Amino acid sequence: MLIYNNYKELDLNVSSMELQTPPPF
């Protein structure tokens, strides 16, 4: 389940990034 955990972590990082700056599209 390492891949799943990494995916969740990546998703959280992306979500926090989206909160800081809106997506260009």
N, C-alpha and C. Protein backbone atom coordinates (compact mmCIF):
# COMPACT_ATOMS: atom_id res chain seq x y z
N MET A 1 0.84 -1.21 0.00
CA MET A 1 0.00 0.00 0.00
C MET A 1 0.88 1.27 0.00
N LEU A 2 2.13 1.10 -0.30
CA LEU A 2 3.03 2.26 -0.31
C LEU A 2 2.63 3.23 -1.42
N ILE A 3 2.27 2.68 -2.56
CA ILE A 3 1.88 3.53 -3.70
C ILE A 3 0.63 4.33 -3.34
N TYR A 4 -0.31 3.70 -2.68
CA TYR A 4 -1.55 4.40 -2.30
C TYR A 4 -1.25 5.55 -1.34
N ASN A 5 -0.37 5.28 -0.38
CA ASN A 5 -0.01 6.33 0.58
C ASN A 5 0.68 7.49 -0.13
N ASN A 6 1.56 7.18 -1.05
CA ASN A 6 2.24 8.23 -1.79
C ASN A 6 1.24 9.04 -2.60
N TYR A 7 0.27 8.35 -3.17
CA TYR A 7 -0.75 9.04 -3.98
C TYR A 7 -1.56 10.00 -3.11
N LYS A 8 -1.93 9.55 -1.92
CA LYS A 8 -2.69 10.41 -1.01
C LYS A 8 -1.85 11.62 -0.62
N GLU A 9 -0.57 11.39 -0.36
CA GLU A 9 0.31 12.49 0.03
C GLU A 9 0.42 13.49 -1.12
N LEU A 10 0.56 12.97 -2.32
CA LEU A 10 0.65 13.83 -3.50
C LEU A 10 -0.63 14.64 -3.66
N ASP A 11 -1.77 13.99 -3.46
CA ASP A 11 -3.05 14.67 -3.59
C ASP A 11 -3.17 15.80 -2.57
N LEU A 12 -2.70 15.56 -1.34
CA LEU A 12 -2.75 16.60 -0.32
C LEU A 12 -1.86 17.77 -0.73
N ASN A 13 -0.68 17.46 -1.27
CA ASN A 13 0.23 18.52 -1.70
C ASN A 13 -0.41 19.35 -2.81
N VAL A 14 -1.04 18.68 -3.74
CA VAL A 14 -1.69 19.38 -4.86
C VAL A 14 -2.83 20.25 -4.32
N SER A 15 -3.58 19.74 -3.38
CA SER A 15 -4.69 20.50 -2.82
C SER A 15 -4.18 21.77 -2.13
N SER A 16 -3.12 21.66 -1.36
CA SER A 16 -2.57 22.82 -0.67
C SER A 16 -2.02 23.82 -1.69
N MET A 17 -1.43 23.32 -2.77
CA MET A 17 -0.92 24.21 -3.82
C MET A 17 -2.08 24.95 -4.47
N GLU A 18 -3.17 24.26 -4.70
CA GLU A 18 -4.34 24.89 -5.32
C GLU A 18 -4.92 25.97 -4.41
N LEU A 19 -4.81 25.76 -3.10
CA LEU A 19 -5.30 26.77 -2.18
C LEU A 19 -4.44 28.03 -2.27
N GLN A 20 -3.13 27.86 -2.45
CA GLN A 20 -2.23 29.01 -2.53
C GLN A 20 -2.40 29.74 -3.85
N THR A 21 -2.37 29.00 -4.96
CA THR A 21 -2.51 29.64 -6.27
C THR A 21 -3.54 28.87 -7.09
N PRO A 22 -4.47 29.56 -7.70
CA PRO A 22 -5.49 28.90 -8.52
C PRO A 22 -4.87 28.29 -9.78
N PRO A 23 -5.43 27.22 -10.27
CA PRO A 23 -4.92 26.58 -11.49
C PRO A 23 -5.08 27.50 -12.70
N PRO A 24 -4.15 27.48 -13.63
CA PRO A 24 -4.19 28.37 -14.80
C PRO A 24 -5.35 28.09 -15.74
N PHE A 25 -5.88 26.88 -15.69
CA PHE A 25 -7.02 26.56 -16.54
C PHE A 25 -8.27 26.63 -15.69
